[in-house]
PDB file of N, CA and C in Angstrom:
ATOM      1  N   MET A   1     137.515  83.090  15.014  1.00  0.00           N
ATOM      2  CA  MET A   1     137.848  84.449  14.633  1.00  0.00           C
ATOM      3  C   MET A   1     139.320  84.502  14.260  1.00  0.00           C
ATOM      4  N   SER A   2     139.709  85.562  13.617  1.00  0.00           N
ATOM      5  CA  SER A   2     141.106  85.734  13.251  1.00  0.00           C
ATOM      6  C   SER A   2     141.900  86.207  14.462  1.00  0.00           C
ATOM      7  N   GLU A   3     143.198  86.066  14.362  1.00  0.00           N
ATOM      8  CA  GLU A   3     144.070  86.506  15.450  1.00  0.00           C
ATOM      9  C   GLU A   3     143.896  88.005  15.704  1.00  0.00           C
ATOM     10  N   TRP A   4     143.801  88.786  14.618  1.00  0.00           N
ATOM     11  CA  TRP A   4     143.626  90.230  14.772  1.00  0.00           C
ATOM     12  C   TRP A   4     142.303  90.555  15.472  1.00  0.00           C
ATOM     13  N   LEU A   5     141.229  89.890  15.045  1.00  0.00           N
ATOM     14  CA  LEU A   5     139.916  90.147  15.623  1.00  0.00           C
ATOM     15  C   LEU A   5     139.864  89.682  17.075  1.00  0.00           C
ATOM     16  N   ASP A   6     140.496  88.556  17.387  1.00  0.00           N
ATOM     17  CA  ASP A   6     140.567  88.091  18.775  1.00  0.00           C
ATOM     18  C   ASP A   6     141.257  89.136  19.647  1.00  0.00           C
ATOM     19  N   GLY A   7     142.356  89.697  19.140  1.00  0.00           N
ATOM     20  CA  GLY A   7     143.077  90.720  19.892  1.00  0.00           C
ATOM     21  C   GLY A   7     142.251  91.981  20.086  1.00  0.00           C
ATOM     22  N   ALA A   8     141.560  92.391  19.038  1.00  0.00           N
ATOM     23  CA  ALA A   8     140.707  93.579  19.142  1.00  0.00           C
ATOM     24  C   ALA A   8     139.585  93.346  20.149  1.00  0.00           C
ATOM     25  N   ALA A   9     138.975  92.171  20.101  1.00  0.00           N
ATOM     26  CA  ALA A   9     137.902  91.843  21.047  1.00  0.00           C
ATOM     27  C   ALA A   9     138.428  91.865  22.482  1.00  0.00           C
ATOM     28  N   ARG A  10     139.621  91.310  22.693  1.00  0.00           N
ATOM     29  CA  ARG A  10     140.223  91.298  24.025  1.00  0.00           C
ATOM     30  C   ARG A  10     140.480  92.722  24.518  1.00  0.00           C
ATOM     31  N   ARG A  11     141.034  93.569  23.642  1.00  0.00           N
ATOM     32  CA  ARG A  11     141.328  94.953  24.034  1.00  0.00           C
ATOM     33  C   ARG A  11     140.047  95.738  24.326  1.00  0.00           C
ATOM     34  N   ILE A  12     139.011  95.516  23.538  1.00  0.00           N
ATOM     35  CA  ILE A  12     137.728  96.195  23.781  1.00  0.00           C
ATOM     36  C   ILE A  12     137.157  95.758  25.121  1.00  0.00           C
ATOM     37  N   ALA A  13     137.175  94.455  25.377  1.00  0.00           N
ATOM     38  CA  ALA A  13     136.656  93.931  26.641  1.00  0.00           C
ATOM     39  C   ALA A  13     137.426  94.512  27.820  1.00  0.00           C
ATOM     40  N   GLU A  14     138.745  94.525  27.711  1.00  0.00           N
ATOM     41  CA  GLU A  14     139.568  95.061  28.797  1.00  0.00           C
ATOM     42  C   GLU A  14     139.298  96.547  29.013  1.00  0.00           C
ATOM     43  N   ALA A  15     139.157  97.303  27.930  1.00  0.00           N
ATOM     44  CA  ALA A  15     138.880  98.739  28.049  1.00  0.00           C
ATOM     45  C   ALA A  15     137.532  98.991  28.705  1.00  0.00           C
ATOM     46  N   ALA A  16     136.571  98.093  28.449  1.00  0.00           N
ATOM     47  CA  ALA A  16     135.234  98.241  29.022  1.00  0.00           C
ATOM     48  C   ALA A  16     135.130  97.623  30.410  1.00  0.00           C
ATOM     49  N   GLY A  17     136.193  96.946  30.843  1.00  0.00           N
ATOM     50  CA  GLY A  17     136.156  96.294  32.156  1.00  0.00           C
ATOM     51  C   GLY A  17     135.359  95.005  32.156  1.00  0.00           C
ATOM     52  N   ASP A  18     135.271  94.367  30.997  1.00  0.00           N
ATOM     53  CA  ASP A  18     134.502  93.135  30.860  1.00  0.00           C
ATOM     54  C   ASP A  18     135.426  91.931  30.727  1.00  0.00           C
ATOM     55  N   ASP A  19     134.818  90.767  30.872  1.00  0.00           N
ATOM     56  CA  ASP A  19     135.518  89.509  30.660  1.00  0.00           C
ATOM     57  C   ASP A  19     135.676  89.295  29.155  1.00  0.00           C
ATOM     58  N   PRO A  20     136.894  89.131  28.661  1.00  0.00           N
ATOM     59  CA  PRO A  20     137.094  88.928  27.229  1.00  0.00           C
ATOM     60  C   PRO A  20     136.335  87.726  26.667  1.00  0.00           C
ATOM     61  N   ALA A  21     136.050  86.737  27.495  1.00  0.00           N
ATOM     62  CA  ALA A  21     135.314  85.560  27.030  1.00  0.00           C
ATOM     63  C   ALA A  21     133.907  85.929  26.549  1.00  0.00           C
ATOM     64  N   ALA A  22     133.372  87.026  27.046  1.00  0.00           N
ATOM     65  CA  ALA A  22     132.023  87.456  26.649  1.00  0.00           C
ATOM     66  C   ALA A  22     132.010  88.096  25.271  1.00  0.00           C
ATOM     67  N   TYR A  23     133.181  88.296  24.664  1.00  0.00           N
ATOM     68  CA  TYR A  23     133.273  88.971  23.383  1.00  0.00           C
ATOM     69  C   TYR A  23     133.586  88.023  22.231  1.00  0.00           C
ATOM     70  N   GLY A  24     133.388  86.751  22.454  1.00  0.00           N
ATOM     71  CA  GLY A  24     133.629  85.780  21.395  1.00  0.00           C
ATOM     72  C   GLY A  24     132.488  85.760  20.396  1.00  0.00           C
ATOM     73  N   LEU A  25     132.807  85.449  19.166  1.00  0.00           N
ATOM     74  CA  LEU A  25     131.805  85.311  18.117  1.00  0.00           C
ATOM     75  C   LEU A  25     131.760  83.856  17.675  1.00  0.00           C
ATOM     76  N   THR A  26     130.566  83.323  17.579  1.00  0.00           N
ATOM     77  CA  THR A  26     130.420  81.977  17.043  1.00  0.00           C
ATOM     78  C   THR A  26     130.501  82.042  15.523  1.00  0.00           C
ATOM     79  N   ALA A  27     130.640  80.886  14.910  1.00  0.00           N
ATOM     80  CA  ALA A  27     130.648  80.840  13.439  1.00  0.00           C
ATOM     81  C   ALA A  27     129.333  81.386  12.901  1.00  0.00           C
ATOM     82  N   ALA A  28     128.227  81.101  13.581  1.00  0.00           N
ATOM     83  CA  ALA A  28     126.919  81.615  13.151  1.00  0.00           C
ATOM     84  C   ALA A  28     126.861  83.131  13.284  1.00  0.00           C
ATOM     85  N   ASP A  29     127.454  83.681  14.359  1.00  0.00           N
ATOM     86  CA  ASP A  29     127.499  85.132  14.535  1.00  0.00           C
ATOM     87  C   ASP A  29     128.276  85.779  13.389  1.00  0.00           C
ATOM     88  N   VAL A  30     129.430  85.208  13.081  1.00  0.00           N
ATOM     89  CA  VAL A  30     130.264  85.746  12.003  1.00  0.00           C
ATOM     90  C   VAL A  30     129.499  85.724  10.686  1.00  0.00           C
ATOM     91  N   GLU A  31     128.840  84.615  10.402  1.00  0.00           N
ATOM     92  CA  GLU A  31     128.084  84.495   9.161  1.00  0.00           C
ATOM     93  C   GLU A  31     126.962  85.534   9.099  1.00  0.00           C
ATOM     94  N   ALA A  32     126.231  85.702  10.217  1.00  0.00           N
ATOM     95  CA  ALA A  32     125.125  86.664  10.246  1.00  0.00           C
ATOM     96  C   ALA A  32     125.634  88.089  10.061  1.00  0.00           C
ATOM     97  N   LEU A  33     126.732  88.433  10.735  1.00  0.00           N
ATOM     98  CA  LEU A  33     127.281  89.786  10.611  1.00  0.00           C
ATOM     99  C   LEU A  33     127.810  90.060   9.208  1.00  0.00           C
ATOM    100  N   LEU A  34     128.511  89.094   8.650  1.00  0.00           N
ATOM    101  CA  LEU A  34     129.039  89.290   7.297  1.00  0.00           C
ATOM    102  C   LEU A  34     127.923  89.369   6.265  1.00  0.00           C
ATOM    103  N   ASP A  35     126.856  88.603   6.464  1.00  0.00           N
ATOM    104  CA  ASP A  35     125.723  88.676   5.544  1.00  0.00           C
ATOM    105  C   ASP A  35     125.055  90.042   5.645  1.00  0.00           C
ATOM    106  N   LEU A  36     124.868  90.523   6.868  1.00  0.00           N
ATOM    107  CA  LEU A  36     124.264  91.840   7.060  1.00  0.00           C
ATOM    108  C   LEU A  36     125.136  92.925   6.425  1.00  0.00           C
ATOM    109  N   ALA A  37     126.444  92.855   6.644  1.00  0.00           N
ATOM    110  CA  ALA A  37     127.352  93.835   6.052  1.00  0.00           C
ATOM    111  C   ALA A  37     127.307  93.766   4.528  1.00  0.00           C
ATOM    112  N   ARG A  38     127.228  92.558   3.976  1.00  0.00           N
ATOM    113  CA  ARG A  38     127.143  92.394   2.517  1.00  0.00           C
ATOM    114  C   ARG A  38     125.886  93.048   1.976  1.00  0.00           C
ATOM    115  N   VAL A  39     124.752  92.806   2.636  1.00  0.00           N
ATOM    116  CA  VAL A  39     123.492  93.399   2.190  1.00  0.00           C
ATOM    117  C   VAL A  39     123.578  94.920   2.269  1.00  0.00           C
ATOM    118  N   ALA A  40     124.095  95.428   3.394  1.00  0.00           N
ATOM    119  CA  ALA A  40     124.210  96.884   3.549  1.00  0.00           C
ATOM    120  C   ALA A  40     125.116  97.477   2.479  1.00  0.00           C
ATOM    121  N   ALA A  41     126.200  96.784   2.179  1.00  0.00           N
ATOM    122  CA  ALA A  41     127.151  97.296   1.198  1.00  0.00           C
ATOM    123  C   ALA A  41     126.587  97.288  -0.210  1.00  0.00           C
ATOM    124  N   HIS A  42     125.874  96.260  -0.562  1.00  0.00           N
ATOM    125  CA  HIS A  42     125.410  96.126  -1.941  1.00  0.00           C
ATOM    126  C   HIS A  42     124.053  96.766  -2.213  1.00  0.00           C
ATOM    127  N   GLU A  43     123.195  96.799  -1.224  1.00  0.00           N
ATOM    128  CA  GLU A  43     121.848  97.314  -1.462  1.00  0.00           C
ATOM    129  C   GLU A  43     121.691  98.790  -1.107  1.00  0.00           C
ATOM    130  N   SER A  44     122.608  99.330  -0.311  1.00  0.00           N
ATOM    131  CA  SER A  44     122.452 100.718   0.105  1.00  0.00           C
ATOM    132  C   SER A  44     123.195 101.696  -0.796  1.00  0.00           C
ATOM    133  N   GLY A  45     124.160 101.186  -1.549  1.00  0.00           N
ATOM    134  CA  GLY A  45     124.941 102.063  -2.409  1.00  0.00           C
ATOM    135  C   GLY A  45     126.015 102.842  -1.670  1.00  0.00           C
ATOM    136  N   LYS A  46     126.166 102.597  -0.393  1.00  0.00           N
ATOM    137  CA  LYS A  46     127.183 103.291   0.406  1.00  0.00           C
ATOM    138  C   LYS A  46     127.971 102.259   1.195  1.00  0.00           C
ATOM    139  N   ASP A  47     128.616 101.348   0.500  1.00  0.00           N
ATOM    140  CA  ASP A  47     129.279 100.228   1.144  1.00  0.00           C
ATOM    141  C   ASP A  47     130.305 100.629   2.193  1.00  0.00           C
ATOM    142  N   GLU A  48     131.057 101.670   1.945  1.00  0.00           N
ATOM    143  CA  GLU A  48     132.095 102.055   2.891  1.00  0.00           C
ATOM    144  C   GLU A  48     131.538 102.690   4.154  1.00  0.00           C
ATOM    145  N   VAL A  49     130.268 103.024   4.159  1.00  0.00           N
ATOM    146  CA  VAL A  49     129.663 103.690   5.307  1.00  0.00           C
ATOM    147  C   VAL A  49     128.646 102.800   6.009  1.00  0.00           C
ATOM    148  N   ASN A  50     127.685 102.295   5.300  1.00  0.00           N
ATOM    149  CA  ASN A  50     126.556 101.624   5.940  1.00  0.00           C
ATOM    150  C   ASN A  50     126.866 100.252   6.524  1.00  0.00           C
ATOM    151  N   ALA A  51     127.774  99.504   5.946  1.00  0.00           N
ATOM    152  CA  ALA A  51     128.052  98.156   6.452  1.00  0.00           C
ATOM    153  C   ALA A  51     128.545  98.176   7.901  1.00  0.00           C
ATOM    154  N   PRO A  52     129.584  98.941   8.231  1.00  0.00           N
ATOM    155  CA  PRO A  52     130.015  98.927   9.632  1.00  0.00           C
ATOM    156  C   PRO A  52     129.013  99.596  10.560  1.00  0.00           C
ATOM    157  N   LEU A  53     128.312 100.593  10.069  1.00  0.00           N
ATOM    158  CA  LEU A  53     127.360 101.291  10.934  1.00  0.00           C
ATOM    159  C   LEU A  53     126.162 100.419  11.286  1.00  0.00           C
ATOM    160  N   VAL A  54     125.648  99.657  10.325  1.00  0.00           N
ATOM    161  CA  VAL A  54     124.515  98.797  10.627  1.00  0.00           C
ATOM    162  C   VAL A  54     124.940  97.662  11.561  1.00  0.00           C
ATOM    163  N   CYS A  55     126.181  97.200  11.432  1.00  0.00           N
ATOM    164  CA  CYS A  55     126.676  96.180  12.363  1.00  0.00           C
ATOM    165  C   CYS A  55     126.803  96.758  13.773  1.00  0.00           C
ATOM    166  N   TYR A  56     127.213  98.009  13.875  1.00  0.00           N
ATOM    167  CA  TYR A  56     127.261  98.682  15.180  1.00  0.00           C
ATOM    168  C   TYR A  56     125.854  98.776  15.788  1.00  0.00           C
ATOM    169  N   LEU A  57     124.888  99.195  14.967  1.00  0.00           N
ATOM    170  CA  LEU A  57     123.511  99.288  15.454  1.00  0.00           C
ATOM    171  C   LEU A  57     122.994  97.928  15.910  1.00  0.00           C
ATOM    172  N   LEU A  58     123.345  96.889  15.178  1.00  0.00           N
ATOM    173  CA  LEU A  58     122.965  95.537  15.573  1.00  0.00           C
ATOM    174  C   LEU A  58     123.576  95.187  16.927  1.00  0.00           C
ATOM    175  N   GLY A  59     124.833  95.553  17.129  1.00  0.00           N
ATOM    176  CA  GLY A  59     125.479  95.311  18.421  1.00  0.00           C
ATOM    177  C   GLY A  59     124.783  96.035  19.557  1.00  0.00           C
ATOM    178  N   LEU A  60     124.353  97.264  19.309  1.00  0.00           N
ATOM    179  CA  LEU A  60     123.594  97.990  20.324  1.00  0.00           C
ATOM    180  C   LEU A  60     122.312  97.242  20.674  1.00  0.00           C
ATOM    181  N   ALA A  61     121.606  96.794  19.666  1.00  0.00           N
ATOM    182  CA  ALA A  61     120.341  96.089  19.893  1.00  0.00           C
ATOM    183  C   ALA A  61     120.558  94.799  20.678  1.00  0.00           C
ATOM    184  N   VAL A  62     121.585  94.035  20.309  1.00  0.00           N
ATOM    185  CA  VAL A  62     121.864  92.778  21.008  1.00  0.00           C
ATOM    186  C   VAL A  62     122.267  93.057  22.453  1.00  0.00           C
ATOM    187  N   GLY A  63     123.054  94.106  22.670  1.00  0.00           N
ATOM    188  CA  GLY A  63     123.453  94.465  24.026  1.00  0.00           C
ATOM    189  C   GLY A  63     122.287  94.905  24.885  1.00  0.00           C
ATOM    190  N   ARG A  64     121.344  95.589  24.296  1.00  0.00           N
ATOM    191  CA  ARG A  64     120.188  96.088  25.049  1.00  0.00           C
ATOM    192  C   ARG A  64     119.088  95.055  25.191  1.00  0.00           C
ATOM    193  N   HIS A  65     119.035  94.111  24.273  1.00  0.00           N
ATOM    194  CA  HIS A  65     117.973  93.096  24.265  1.00  0.00           C
ATOM    195  C   HIS A  65     118.577  91.719  24.016  1.00  0.00           C
ATOM    196  N   PRO A  66     119.320  91.193  24.987  1.00  0.00           N
ATOM    197  CA  PRO A  66     120.028  89.922  24.768  1.00  0.00           C
ATOM    198  C   PRO A  66     119.102  88.733  24.509  1.00  0.00           C
ATOM    199  N   ALA A  67     117.837  88.852  24.824  1.00  0.00           N
ATOM    200  CA  ALA A  67     116.920  87.744  24.550  1.00  0.00           C
ATOM    201  C   ALA A  67     116.748  87.504  23.052  1.00  0.00           C
ATOM    202  N   PHE A  68     116.937  88.547  22.260  1.00  0.00           N
ATOM    203  CA  PHE A  68     116.896  88.395  20.808  1.00  0.00           C
ATOM    204  C   PHE A  68     118.262  87.893  20.362  1.00  0.00           C
ATOM    205  N   GLY A  69     118.302  86.941  19.510  1.00  0.00           N
ATOM    206  CA  GLY A  69     119.577  86.429  19.027  1.00  0.00           C
ATOM    207  C   GLY A  69     120.190  87.340  17.984  1.00  0.00           C
ATOM    208  N   LEU A  70     121.505  87.356  17.926  1.00  0.00           N
ATOM    209  CA  LEU A  70     122.210  88.155  16.936  1.00  0.00           C
ATOM    210  C   LEU A  70     121.756  87.777  15.532  1.00  0.00           C
ATOM    211  N   GLY A  71     121.663  86.484  15.273  1.00  0.00           N
ATOM    212  CA  GLY A  71     121.259  86.026  13.946  1.00  0.00           C
ATOM    213  C   GLY A  71     119.862  86.483  13.569  1.00  0.00           C
ATOM    214  N   ASP A  72     118.939  86.412  14.531  1.00  0.00           N
ATOM    215  CA  ASP A  72     117.561  86.843  14.257  1.00  0.00           C
ATOM    216  C   ASP A  72     117.485  88.331  13.951  1.00  0.00           C
ATOM    217  N   LEU A  73     118.174  89.130  14.757  1.00  0.00           N
ATOM    218  CA  LEU A  73     118.159  90.575  14.515  1.00  0.00           C
ATOM    219  C   LEU A  73     118.878  90.939  13.225  1.00  0.00           C
ATOM    220  N   ALA A  74     119.970  90.238  12.928  1.00  0.00           N
ATOM    221  CA  ALA A  74     120.688  90.499  11.676  1.00  0.00           C
ATOM    222  C   ALA A  74     119.803  90.172  10.482  1.00  0.00           C
ATOM    223  N   ALA A  75     119.055  89.076  10.572  1.00  0.00           N
ATOM    224  CA  ALA A  75     118.151  88.703   9.479  1.00  0.00           C
ATOM    225  C   ALA A  75     117.064  89.751   9.286  1.00  0.00           C
ATOM    226  N   LYS A  76     116.527  90.261  10.392  1.00  0.00           N
ATOM    227  CA  LYS A  76     115.504  91.302  10.283  1.00  0.00           C
ATOM    228  C   LYS A  76     116.095  92.573   9.674  1.00  0.00           C
ATOM    229  N   ALA A  77     117.292  92.944  10.101  1.00  0.00           N
ATOM    230  CA  ALA A  77     117.926  94.163   9.589  1.00  0.00           C
ATOM    231  C   ALA A  77     118.220  94.042   8.098  1.00  0.00           C
ATOM    232  N   SER A  78     118.611  92.861   7.657  1.00  0.00           N
ATOM    233  CA  SER A  78     118.953  92.684   6.244  1.00  0.00           C
ATOM    234  C   SER A  78     117.736  92.394   5.382  1.00  0.00           C
ATOM    235  N   GLY A  79     116.623  92.085   6.024  1.00  0.00           N
ATOM    236  CA  GLY A  79     115.417  91.733   5.289  1.00  0.00           C
ATOM    237  C   GLY A  79     115.391  90.290   4.836  1.00  0.00           C
ATOM    238  N   SER A  80     116.386  89.487   5.243  1.00  0.00           N
ATOM    239  CA  SER A  80     116.450  88.113   4.775  1.00  0.00           C
ATOM    240  C   SER A  80     115.476  87.191   5.486  1.00  0.00           C
ATOM    241  N   GLU A  81     114.859  87.631   6.583  1.00  0.00           N
ATOM    242  CA  GLU A  81     113.868  86.778   7.235  1.00  0.00           C
ATOM    243  C   GLU A  81     112.601  86.669   6.428  1.00  0.00           C
ATOM    244  N   THR A  82     112.446  87.553   5.436  1.00  0.00           N
ATOM    245  CA  THR A  82     111.255  87.508   4.599  1.00  0.00           C
ATOM    246  C   THR A  82     111.516  86.833   3.260  1.00  0.00           C
ATOM    247  N   ARG A  83     112.760  86.412   3.026  1.00  0.00           N
ATOM    248  CA  ARG A  83     113.125  85.818   1.733  1.00  0.00           C
ATOM    249  C   ARG A  83     112.910  84.327   1.754  1.00  0.00           C
TER     250      ARG A  83
END
């Protein structure tokens, strides 16, 4: 992750009372999130709105259902699991 994103993740974890180590993103996570944001931005026609919101919704789903992988849920959200 970038230095800025690492800092933001650390601050979010601290604000939530969590271990910052739990907020790391793997290269696969980054790729899945960026792909989902790209699809939302280009296919929805509302790039400035839908990309961050769908990533937030994905985060909610992963937090509530950790057995599902971020990549799998991102693929389902973007429709790329059927491509």
